[in-house]
Full PDB file with SEQRES, HELIX, SHEET, SSBOND, CRYST1, ORIGX, SCALE, CONECT and MASTER records, all heavy atoms in Angstrom:
SEQRES   1 A   37  SER THR SER TRP ARG PRO PRO PHE SER LEU THR LEU ALA          
SEQRES   2 A   37  VAL ALA PHE LEU GLY LEU VAL PRO ALA THR ILE LEU ALA          
SEQRES   3 A   37  ALA ASP LEU GLU ARG ASP ARG HIS ALA ARG SER                  
HELIX    1 AA1 PHE A    8  ARG A   36  1                                  29    
CRYST1    1.000    1.000    1.000  90.00  90.00  90.00 P 1           1          
ORIGX1      1.000000  0.000000  0.000000        0.00000                         
ORIGX2      0.000000  1.000000  0.000000        0.00000                         
ORIGX3      0.000000  0.000000  1.000000        0.00000                         
SCALE1      1.000000  0.000000  0.000000        0.00000                         
SCALE2      0.000000  1.000000  0.000000        0.00000                         
SCALE3      0.000000  0.000000  1.000000        0.00000                         
ATOM      1  N   SER A   1      93.673-100.421   9.058  1.00  0.00           N  
ATOM      2  CA  SER A   1      94.461-100.216  10.257  1.00  0.00           C  
ATOM      3  C   SER A   1      95.539 -99.156  10.005  1.00  0.00           C  
ATOM      4  O   SER A   1      96.305 -99.270   9.042  1.00  0.00           O  
ATOM      5  CB  SER A   1      95.126-101.531  10.690  1.00  0.00           C  
ATOM      6  OG  SER A   1      96.030-101.293  11.740  1.00  0.00           O  
ATOM      7  N   THR A   2      95.568 -98.140  10.852  1.00  0.00           N  
ATOM      8  CA  THR A   2      96.551 -97.078  10.666  1.00  0.00           C  
ATOM      9  C   THR A   2      97.972 -97.546  10.908  1.00  0.00           C  
ATOM     10  O   THR A   2      98.926 -96.968  10.381  1.00  0.00           O  
ATOM     11  CB  THR A   2      96.245 -95.913  11.614  1.00  0.00           C  
ATOM     12  OG1 THR A   2      96.214 -96.415  12.962  1.00  0.00           O  
ATOM     13  CG2 THR A   2      94.909 -95.270  11.283  1.00  0.00           C  
ATOM     14  N   SER A   3      98.127 -98.606  11.699  1.00  0.00           N  
ATOM     15  CA  SER A   3      99.479 -99.109  11.958  1.00  0.00           C  
ATOM     16  C   SER A   3     100.076 -99.776  10.750  1.00  0.00           C  
ATOM     17  O   SER A   3     101.299 -99.835  10.593  1.00  0.00           O  
ATOM     18  CB  SER A   3      99.456-100.089  13.145  1.00  0.00           C  
ATOM     19  OG  SER A   3      98.599-101.191  12.842  1.00  0.00           O  
ATOM     20  N   TRP A   4      99.225-100.315   9.859  1.00  0.00           N  
ATOM     21  CA  TRP A   4      99.717-100.981   8.632  1.00  0.00           C  
ATOM     22  C   TRP A   4      99.632-100.070   7.412  1.00  0.00           C  
ATOM     23  O   TRP A   4     100.170-100.397   6.369  1.00  0.00           O  
ATOM     24  CB  TRP A   4      98.909-102.249   8.364  1.00  0.00           C  
ATOM     25  CG  TRP A   4      99.203-103.338   9.356  1.00  0.00           C  
ATOM     26  CD1 TRP A   4      98.563-103.608  10.508  1.00  0.00           C  
ATOM     27  CD2 TRP A   4     100.244-104.308   9.237  1.00  0.00           C  
ATOM     28  NE1 TRP A   4      99.113-104.669  11.140  1.00  0.00           N  
ATOM     29  CE2 TRP A   4     100.153-105.140  10.379  1.00  0.00           C  
ATOM     30  CE3 TRP A   4     101.249-104.577   8.295  1.00  0.00           C  
ATOM     31  CZ2 TRP A   4     101.028-106.209  10.608  1.00  0.00           C  
ATOM     32  CZ3 TRP A   4     102.100-105.641   8.516  1.00  0.00           C  
ATOM     33  CH2 TRP A   4     101.999-106.429   9.655  1.00  0.00           C  
ATOM     34  N   ARG A   5      98.941 -98.961   7.548  1.00  0.00           N  
ATOM     35  CA  ARG A   5      98.778 -98.085   6.401  1.00  0.00           C  
ATOM     36  C   ARG A   5     100.041 -97.249   6.170  1.00  0.00           C  
ATOM     37  O   ARG A   5     100.527 -96.595   7.097  1.00  0.00           O  
ATOM     38  CB  ARG A   5      97.601 -97.146   6.619  1.00  0.00           C  
ATOM     39  CG  ARG A   5      97.325 -96.232   5.418  1.00  0.00           C  
ATOM     40  CD  ARG A   5      96.158 -95.321   5.714  1.00  0.00           C  
ATOM     41  NE  ARG A   5      94.933 -96.078   5.921  1.00  0.00           N  
ATOM     42  CZ  ARG A   5      93.768 -95.522   6.263  1.00  0.00           C  
ATOM     43  NH1 ARG A   5      93.685 -94.209   6.475  1.00  0.00           N  
ATOM     44  NH2 ARG A   5      92.701 -96.276   6.434  1.00  0.00           N  
ATOM     45  N   PRO A   6     100.609 -97.294   4.945  1.00  0.00           N  
ATOM     46  CA  PRO A   6     101.833 -96.505   4.690  1.00  0.00           C  
ATOM     47  C   PRO A   6     101.516 -95.030   4.727  1.00  0.00           C  
ATOM     48  O   PRO A   6     100.503 -94.571   4.203  1.00  0.00           O  
ATOM     49  CB  PRO A   6     102.255 -96.959   3.286  1.00  0.00           C  
ATOM     50  CG  PRO A   6     101.018 -97.482   2.669  1.00  0.00           C  
ATOM     51  CD  PRO A   6     100.192 -98.067   3.775  1.00  0.00           C  
ATOM     52  N   PRO A   7     102.360 -94.234   5.361  1.00  0.00           N  
ATOM     53  CA  PRO A   7     102.089 -92.798   5.436  1.00  0.00           C  
ATOM     54  C   PRO A   7     102.175 -92.156   4.055  1.00  0.00           C  
ATOM     55  O   PRO A   7     102.914 -92.598   3.173  1.00  0.00           O  
ATOM     56  CB  PRO A   7     103.214 -92.284   6.341  1.00  0.00           C  
ATOM     57  CG  PRO A   7     104.291 -93.293   6.253  1.00  0.00           C  
ATOM     58  CD  PRO A   7     103.617 -94.622   6.029  1.00  0.00           C  
ATOM     59  N   PHE A   8     101.417 -91.084   3.912  1.00  0.00           N  
ATOM     60  CA  PHE A   8     101.385 -90.392   2.613  1.00  0.00           C  
ATOM     61  C   PHE A   8     102.735 -89.747   2.299  1.00  0.00           C  
ATOM     62  O   PHE A   8     103.105 -89.601   1.143  1.00  0.00           O  
ATOM     63  CB  PHE A   8     100.282 -89.335   2.632  1.00  0.00           C  
ATOM     64  CG  PHE A   8     100.014 -88.753   1.275  1.00  0.00           C  
ATOM     65  CD1 PHE A   8      99.396 -89.510   0.285  1.00  0.00           C  
ATOM     66  CD2 PHE A   8     100.373 -87.449   0.988  1.00  0.00           C  
ATOM     67  CE1 PHE A   8      99.156 -88.981  -0.961  1.00  0.00           C  
ATOM     68  CE2 PHE A   8     100.129 -86.914  -0.267  1.00  0.00           C  
ATOM     69  CZ  PHE A   8      99.519 -87.680  -1.239  1.00  0.00           C  
ATOM     70  N   SER A   9     103.475 -89.368   3.339  1.00  0.00           N  
ATOM     71  CA  SER A   9     104.804 -88.785   3.121  1.00  0.00           C  
ATOM     72  C   SER A   9     105.756 -89.775   2.462  1.00  0.00           C  
ATOM     73  O   SER A   9     106.611 -89.400   1.649  1.00  0.00           O  
ATOM     74  CB  SER A   9     105.389 -88.315   4.458  1.00  0.00           C  
ATOM     75  OG  SER A   9     105.494 -89.395   5.375  1.00  0.00           O  
ATOM     76  N   LEU A  10     105.595 -91.081   2.798  1.00  0.00           N  
ATOM     77  CA  LEU A  10     106.428 -92.095   2.155  1.00  0.00           C  
ATOM     78  C   LEU A  10     106.096 -92.190   0.666  1.00  0.00           C  
ATOM     79  O   LEU A  10     106.995 -92.356  -0.172  1.00  0.00           O  
ATOM     80  CB  LEU A  10     106.207 -93.451   2.835  1.00  0.00           C  
ATOM     81  CG  LEU A  10     106.947 -94.641   2.238  1.00  0.00           C  
ATOM     82  CD1 LEU A  10     108.456 -94.435   2.321  1.00  0.00           C  
ATOM     83  CD2 LEU A  10     106.543 -95.946   2.945  1.00  0.00           C  
ATOM     84  N   THR A  11     104.831 -92.088   0.345  1.00  0.00           N  
ATOM     85  CA  THR A  11     104.427 -92.124  -1.074  1.00  0.00           C  
ATOM     86  C   THR A  11     105.028 -90.956  -1.847  1.00  0.00           C  
ATOM     87  O   THR A  11     105.516 -91.106  -2.965  1.00  0.00           O  
ATOM     88  CB  THR A  11     102.893 -92.090  -1.179  1.00  0.00           C  
ATOM     89  OG1 THR A  11     102.335 -93.125  -0.374  1.00  0.00           O  
ATOM     90  CG2 THR A  11     102.432 -92.281  -2.623  1.00  0.00           C  
ATOM     91  N   LEU A  12     105.007 -89.773  -1.227  1.00  0.00           N  
ATOM     92  CA  LEU A  12     105.601 -88.615  -1.881  1.00  0.00           C  
ATOM     93  C   LEU A  12     107.112 -88.753  -2.027  1.00  0.00           C  
ATOM     94  O   LEU A  12     107.686 -88.346  -3.042  1.00  0.00           O  
ATOM     95  CB  LEU A  12     105.266 -87.346  -1.087  1.00  0.00           C  
ATOM     96  CG  LEU A  12     103.804 -86.894  -1.110  1.00  0.00           C  
ATOM     97  CD1 LEU A  12     103.630 -85.661  -0.242  1.00  0.00           C  
ATOM     98  CD2 LEU A  12     103.353 -86.617  -2.537  1.00  0.00           C  
ATOM     99  N   ALA A  13     107.750 -89.337  -1.033  1.00  0.00           N  
ATOM    100  CA  ALA A  13     109.211 -89.532  -1.102  1.00  0.00           C  
ATOM    101  C   ALA A  13     109.568 -90.481  -2.221  1.00  0.00           C  
ATOM    102  O   ALA A  13     110.531 -90.262  -2.961  1.00  0.00           O  
ATOM    103  CB  ALA A  13     109.714 -90.044   0.234  1.00  0.00           C  
ATOM    104  N   VAL A  14     108.805 -91.553  -2.379  1.00  0.00           N  
ATOM    105  CA  VAL A  14     109.052 -92.507  -3.470  1.00  0.00           C  
ATOM    106  C   VAL A  14     108.841 -91.839  -4.821  1.00  0.00           C  
ATOM    107  O   VAL A  14     109.603 -92.062  -5.774  1.00  0.00           O  
ATOM    108  CB  VAL A  14     108.148 -93.754  -3.309  1.00  0.00           C  
ATOM    109  CG1 VAL A  14     108.240 -94.644  -4.547  1.00  0.00           C  
ATOM    110  CG2 VAL A  14     108.536 -94.535  -2.072  1.00  0.00           C  
ATOM    111  N   ALA A  15     107.789 -91.006  -4.912  1.00  0.00           N  
ATOM    112  CA  ALA A  15     107.540 -90.298  -6.171  1.00  0.00           C  
ATOM    113  C   ALA A  15     108.698 -89.375  -6.510  1.00  0.00           C  
ATOM    114  O   ALA A  15     109.132 -89.296  -7.672  1.00  0.00           O  
ATOM    115  CB  ALA A  15     106.245 -89.503  -6.064  1.00  0.00           C  
ATOM    116  N   PHE A  16     109.224 -88.676  -5.496  1.00  0.00           N  
ATOM    117  CA  PHE A  16     110.362 -87.780  -5.748  1.00  0.00           C  
ATOM    118  C   PHE A  16     111.589 -88.569  -6.175  1.00  0.00           C  
ATOM    119  O   PHE A  16     112.305 -88.180  -7.114  1.00  0.00           O  
ATOM    120  CB  PHE A  16     110.668 -86.980  -4.475  1.00  0.00           C  
ATOM    121  CG  PHE A  16     111.878 -86.116  -4.605  1.00  0.00           C  
ATOM    122  CD1 PHE A  16     111.842 -84.927  -5.307  1.00  0.00           C  
ATOM    123  CD2 PHE A  16     113.079 -86.510  -4.021  1.00  0.00           C  
ATOM    124  CE1 PHE A  16     112.980 -84.133  -5.434  1.00  0.00           C  
ATOM    125  CE2 PHE A  16     114.215 -85.718  -4.129  1.00  0.00           C  
ATOM    126  CZ  PHE A  16     114.167 -84.539  -4.832  1.00  0.00           C  
ATOM    127  N   LEU A  17     111.859 -89.689  -5.495  1.00  0.00           N  
ATOM    128  CA  LEU A  17     113.016 -90.524  -5.852  1.00  0.00           C  
ATOM    129  C   LEU A  17     112.882 -91.085  -7.272  1.00  0.00           C  
ATOM    130  O   LEU A  17     113.886 -91.298  -7.944  1.00  0.00           O  
ATOM    131  CB  LEU A  17     113.170 -91.665  -4.849  1.00  0.00           C  
ATOM    132  CG  LEU A  17     113.582 -91.262  -3.423  1.00  0.00           C  
ATOM    133  CD1 LEU A  17     113.604 -92.480  -2.506  1.00  0.00           C  
ATOM    134  CD2 LEU A  17     114.944 -90.581  -3.445  1.00  0.00           C  
ATOM    135  N   GLY A  18     111.672 -91.316  -7.705  1.00  0.00           N  
ATOM    136  CA  GLY A  18     111.473 -91.806  -9.065  1.00  0.00           C  
ATOM    137  C   GLY A  18     111.617 -90.712 -10.110  1.00  0.00           C  
ATOM    138  O   GLY A  18     112.037 -90.990 -11.251  1.00  0.00           O  
ATOM    139  N   LEU A  19     111.295 -89.468  -9.718  1.00  0.00           N  
ATOM    140  CA  LEU A  19     111.410 -88.367 -10.666  1.00  0.00           C  
ATOM    141  C   LEU A  19     112.874 -88.031 -10.982  1.00  0.00           C  
ATOM    142  O   LEU A  19     113.159 -87.564 -12.081  1.00  0.00           O  
ATOM    143  CB  LEU A  19     110.724 -87.114 -10.096  1.00  0.00           C  
ATOM    144  CG  LEU A  19     109.206 -87.085 -10.189  1.00  0.00           C  
ATOM    145  CD1 LEU A  19     108.661 -85.854  -9.497  1.00  0.00           C  
ATOM    146  CD2 LEU A  19     108.767 -87.111 -11.662  1.00  0.00           C  
ATOM    147  N   VAL A  20     113.791 -88.265 -10.038  1.00  0.00           N  
ATOM    148  CA  VAL A  20     115.200 -87.918 -10.272  1.00  0.00           C  
ATOM    149  C   VAL A  20     115.781 -88.722 -11.448  1.00  0.00           C  
ATOM    150  O   VAL A  20     116.278 -88.125 -12.425  1.00  0.00           O  
ATOM    151  CB  VAL A  20     116.021 -88.106  -8.986  1.00  0.00           C  
ATOM    152  CG1 VAL A  20     117.500 -87.921  -9.284  1.00  0.00           C  
ATOM    153  CG2 VAL A  20     115.567 -87.131  -7.915  1.00  0.00           C  
ATOM    154  N   PRO A  21     115.740 -90.071 -11.431  1.00  0.00           N  
ATOM    155  CA  PRO A  21     116.280 -90.792 -12.587  1.00  0.00           C  
ATOM    156  C   PRO A  21     115.472 -90.561 -13.852  1.00  0.00           C  
ATOM    157  O   PRO A  21     116.018 -90.555 -14.955  1.00  0.00           O  
ATOM    158  CB  PRO A  21     116.232 -92.265 -12.155  1.00  0.00           C  
ATOM    159  CG  PRO A  21     115.212 -92.314 -11.078  1.00  0.00           C  
ATOM    160  CD  PRO A  21     115.299 -91.012 -10.387  1.00  0.00           C  
ATOM    161  N   ALA A  22     114.149 -90.352 -13.694  1.00  0.00           N  
ATOM    162  CA  ALA A  22     113.332 -90.102 -14.901  1.00  0.00           C  
ATOM    163  C   ALA A  22     113.721 -88.783 -15.556  1.00  0.00           C  
ATOM    164  O   ALA A  22     113.784 -88.683 -16.787  1.00  0.00           O  
ATOM    165  CB  ALA A  22     111.858 -90.094 -14.507  1.00  0.00           C  
ATOM    166  N   THR A  23     114.011 -87.763 -14.749  1.00  0.00           N  
ATOM    167  CA  THR A  23     114.413 -86.469 -15.302  1.00  0.00           C  
ATOM    168  C   THR A  23     115.778 -86.572 -15.968  1.00  0.00           C  
ATOM    169  O   THR A  23     115.987 -86.001 -17.050  1.00  0.00           O  
ATOM    170  CB  THR A  23     114.481 -85.427 -14.172  1.00  0.00           C  
ATOM    171  OG1 THR A  23     113.202 -85.333 -13.548  1.00  0.00           O  
ATOM    172  CG2 THR A  23     114.861 -84.059 -14.724  1.00  0.00           C  
ATOM    173  N   ILE A  24     116.722 -87.303 -15.352  1.00  0.00           N  
ATOM    174  CA  ILE A  24     118.035 -87.500 -15.965  1.00  0.00           C  
ATOM    175  C   ILE A  24     117.911 -88.234 -17.290  1.00  0.00           C  
ATOM    176  O   ILE A  24     118.538 -87.862 -18.286  1.00  0.00           O  
ATOM    177  CB  ILE A  24     118.952 -88.266 -15.007  1.00  0.00           C  
ATOM    178  CG1 ILE A  24     119.236 -87.437 -13.750  1.00  0.00           C  
ATOM    179  CG2 ILE A  24     120.268 -88.641 -15.685  1.00  0.00           C  
ATOM    180  CD1 ILE A  24     120.031 -88.177 -12.691  1.00  0.00           C  
ATOM    181  N   LEU A  25     117.070 -89.262 -17.329  1.00  0.00           N  
ATOM    182  CA  LEU A  25     116.854 -90.003 -18.575  1.00  0.00           C  
ATOM    183  C   LEU A  25     116.250 -89.117 -19.652  1.00  0.00           C  
ATOM    184  O   LEU A  25     116.666 -89.163 -20.822  1.00  0.00           O  
ATOM    185  CB  LEU A  25     115.946 -91.209 -18.317  1.00  0.00           C  
ATOM    186  CG  LEU A  25     116.592 -92.470 -17.783  1.00  0.00           C  
ATOM    187  CD1 LEU A  25     115.520 -93.491 -17.379  1.00  0.00           C  
ATOM    188  CD2 LEU A  25     117.532 -93.087 -18.816  1.00  0.00           C  
ATOM    189  N   ALA A  26     115.261 -88.310 -19.267  1.00  0.00           N  
ATOM    190  CA  ALA A  26     114.612 -87.433 -20.249  1.00  0.00           C  
ATOM    191  C   ALA A  26     115.605 -86.431 -20.817  1.00  0.00           C  
ATOM    192  O   ALA A  26     115.614 -86.179 -22.038  1.00  0.00           O  
ATOM    193  CB  ALA A  26     113.440 -86.706 -19.601  1.00  0.00           C  
ATOM    194  N   ALA A  27     116.481 -85.881 -19.957  1.00  0.00           N  
ATOM    195  CA  ALA A  27     117.471 -84.932 -20.440  1.00  0.00           C  
ATOM    196  C   ALA A  27     118.475 -85.604 -21.358  1.00  0.00           C  
ATOM    197  O   ALA A  27     118.872 -85.054 -22.404  1.00  0.00           O  
ATOM    198  CB  ALA A  27     118.205 -84.293 -19.250  1.00  0.00           C  
ATOM    199  N   ASP A  28     118.904 -86.818 -21.018  1.00  0.00           N  
ATOM    200  CA  ASP A  28     119.846 -87.552 -21.864  1.00  0.00           C  
ATOM    201  C   ASP A  28     119.243 -87.893 -23.216  1.00  0.00           C  
ATOM    202  O   ASP A  28     119.889 -87.744 -24.264  1.00  0.00           O  
ATOM    203  CB  ASP A  28     120.293 -88.845 -21.162  1.00  0.00           C  
ATOM    204  CG  ASP A  28     121.277 -88.588 -20.034  1.00  0.00           C  
ATOM    205  OD1 ASP A  28     121.737 -87.438 -19.935  1.00  0.00           O  
ATOM    206  OD2 ASP A  28     121.553 -89.528 -19.267  1.00  0.00           O  
ATOM    207  N   LEU A  29     117.995 -88.352 -23.220  1.00  0.00           N  
ATOM    208  CA  LEU A  29     117.338 -88.710 -24.487  1.00  0.00           C  
ATOM    209  C   LEU A  29     117.130 -87.482 -25.364  1.00  0.00           C  
ATOM    210  O   LEU A  29     117.286 -87.557 -26.582  1.00  0.00           O  
ATOM    211  CB  LEU A  29     115.991 -89.394 -24.191  1.00  0.00           C  
ATOM    212  CG  LEU A  29     116.083 -90.771 -23.517  1.00  0.00           C  
ATOM    213  CD1 LEU A  29     114.696 -91.276 -23.162  1.00  0.00           C  
ATOM    214  CD2 LEU A  29     116.793 -91.771 -24.435  1.00  0.00           C  
ATOM    215  N   GLU A  30     116.786 -86.345 -24.744  1.00  0.00           N  
ATOM    216  CA  GLU A  30     116.608 -85.113 -25.514  1.00  0.00           C  
ATOM    217  C   GLU A  30     117.938 -84.642 -26.104  1.00  0.00           C  
ATOM    218  O   GLU A  30     118.003 -84.195 -27.252  1.00  0.00           O  
ATOM    219  CB  GLU A  30     116.023 -84.023 -24.622  1.00  0.00           C  
ATOM    220  CG  GLU A  30     115.767 -82.692 -25.320  1.00  0.00           C  
ATOM    221  CD  GLU A  30     114.692 -82.780 -26.395  1.00  0.00           C  
ATOM    222  OE1 GLU A  30     113.974 -83.802 -26.433  1.00  0.00           O  
ATOM    223  OE2 GLU A  30     114.602 -81.825 -27.194  1.00  0.00           O  
ATOM    224  N   ARG A  31     119.027 -84.776 -25.328  1.00  0.00           N  
ATOM    225  CA  ARG A  31     120.349 -84.398 -25.819  1.00  0.00           C  
ATOM    226  C   ARG A  31     120.771 -85.306 -26.967  1.00  0.00           C  
ATOM    227  O   ARG A  31     121.315 -84.839 -27.965  1.00  0.00           O  
ATOM    228  CB  ARG A  31     121.356 -84.467 -24.674  1.00  0.00           C  
ATOM    229  CG  ARG A  31     122.689 -83.852 -24.974  1.00  0.00           C  
ATOM    230  CD  ARG A  31     123.460 -83.544 -23.708  1.00  0.00           C  
ATOM    231  NE  ARG A  31     123.420 -84.636 -22.741  1.00  0.00           N  
ATOM    232  CZ  ARG A  31     122.835 -84.560 -21.541  1.00  0.00           C  
ATOM    233  NH1 ARG A  31     122.255 -83.455 -21.170  1.00  0.00           N  
ATOM    234  NH2 ARG A  31     122.858 -85.582 -20.723  1.00  0.00           N  
ATOM    235  N   ASP A  32     120.494 -86.600 -26.846  1.00  0.00           N  
ATOM    236  CA  ASP A  32     120.814 -87.529 -27.931  1.00  0.00           C  
ATOM    237  C   ASP A  32     120.005 -87.214 -29.186  1.00  0.00           C  
ATOM    238  O   ASP A  32     120.510 -87.313 -30.309  1.00  0.00           O  
ATOM    239  CB  ASP A  32     120.554 -88.973 -27.506  1.00  0.00           C  
ATOM    240  CG  ASP A  32     121.632 -89.505 -26.572  1.00  0.00           C  
ATOM    241  OD1 ASP A  32     122.628 -88.768 -26.348  1.00  0.00           O  
ATOM    242  OD2 ASP A  32     121.476 -90.629 -26.065  1.00  0.00           O  
ATOM    243  N   ARG A  33     118.734 -86.843 -28.981  1.00  0.00           N  
ATOM    244  CA  ARG A  33     117.893 -86.533 -30.129  1.00  0.00           C  
ATOM    245  C   ARG A  33     118.440 -85.338 -30.905  1.00  0.00           C  
ATOM    246  O   ARG A  33     118.497 -85.341 -32.137  1.00  0.00           O  
ATOM    247  CB  ARG A  33     116.460 -86.246 -29.659  1.00  0.00           C  
ATOM    248  CG  ARG A  33     115.466 -86.039 -30.793  1.00  0.00           C  
ATOM    249  CD  ARG A  33     114.101 -85.681 -30.249  1.00  0.00           C  
ATOM    250  NE  ARG A  33     114.086 -84.342 -29.688  1.00  0.00           N  
ATOM    251  CZ  ARG A  33     113.936 -83.235 -30.400  1.00  0.00           C  
ATOM    252  NH1 ARG A  33     113.820 -83.297 -31.720  1.00  0.00           N  
ATOM    253  NH2 ARG A  33     113.923 -82.054 -29.800  1.00  0.00           N  
ATOM    254  N   HIS A  34     118.879 -84.316 -30.165  1.00  0.00           N  
ATOM    255  CA  HIS A  34     119.470 -83.144 -30.831  1.00  0.00           C  
ATOM    256  C   HIS A  34     120.776 -83.527 -31.522  1.00  0.00           C  
ATOM    257  O   HIS A  34     121.048 -83.088 -32.647  1.00  0.00           O  
ATOM    258  CB  HIS A  34     119.727 -82.035 -29.802  1.00  0.00           C  
ATOM    259  CG  HIS A  34     118.510 -81.233 -29.476  1.00  0.00           C  
ATOM    260  ND1 HIS A  34     117.969 -80.317 -30.365  1.00  0.00           N  
ATOM    261  CD2 HIS A  34     117.707 -81.212 -28.397  1.00  0.00           C  
ATOM    262  CE1 HIS A  34     116.896 -79.756 -29.826  1.00  0.00           C  
ATOM    263  NE2 HIS A  34     116.720 -80.286 -28.632  1.00  0.00           N  
ATOM    264  N   ALA A  35     121.611 -84.330 -30.853  1.00  0.00           N  
ATOM    265  CA  ALA A  35     122.897 -84.700 -31.443  1.00  0.00           C  
ATOM    266  C   ALA A  35     122.717 -85.531 -32.708  1.00  0.00           C  
ATOM    267  O   ALA A  35     123.493 -85.404 -33.656  1.00  0.00           O  
ATOM    268  CB  ALA A  35     123.740 -85.457 -30.421  1.00  0.00           C  
ATOM    269  N   ARG A  36     121.698 -86.378 -32.738  1.00  0.00           N  
ATOM    270  CA  ARG A  36     121.479 -87.214 -33.933  1.00  0.00           C  
ATOM    271  C   ARG A  36     121.054 -86.373 -35.139  1.00  0.00           C  
ATOM    272  O   ARG A  36     121.217 -86.797 -36.267  1.00  0.00           O  
ATOM    273  CB  ARG A  36     120.409 -88.272 -33.641  1.00  0.00           C  
ATOM    274  CG  ARG A  36     120.873 -89.340 -32.673  1.00  0.00           C  
ATOM    275  CD  ARG A  36     119.812 -90.388 -32.425  1.00  0.00           C  
ATOM    276  NE  ARG A  36     120.212 -91.285 -31.367  1.00  0.00           N  
ATOM    277  CZ  ARG A  36     121.053 -92.296 -31.491  1.00  0.00           C  
ATOM    278  NH1 ARG A  36     121.577 -92.546 -32.690  1.00  0.00           N  
ATOM    279  NH2 ARG A  36     121.369 -93.058 -30.476  1.00  0.00           N  
ATOM    280  N   SER A  37     120.504 -85.206 -34.897  1.00  0.00           N  
ATOM    281  CA  SER A  37     120.074 -84.354 -36.007  1.00  0.00           C  
ATOM    282  C   SER A  37     121.137 -83.317 -36.357  1.00  0.00           C  
ATOM    283  O   SER A  37     120.880 -82.459 -37.198  1.00  0.00           O  
ATOM    284  CB  SER A  37     118.764 -83.645 -35.645  1.00  0.00           C  
ATOM    285  OG  SER A  37     118.950 -82.750 -34.575  1.00  0.00           O  
TER     286      SER A  37                                                      
MASTER        0    0    0    1    0    0    0    6  285    1    0    3          
END                                                                             
């Protein structure tokens, strides 16, 4: 049913919202890795 099917744009929006904290975490972990060495 199209009325119950989530739009593909919502899926892309969730993916984008998940990439923001993931990118911040990756940058922080990389910075910590350099600082530890």
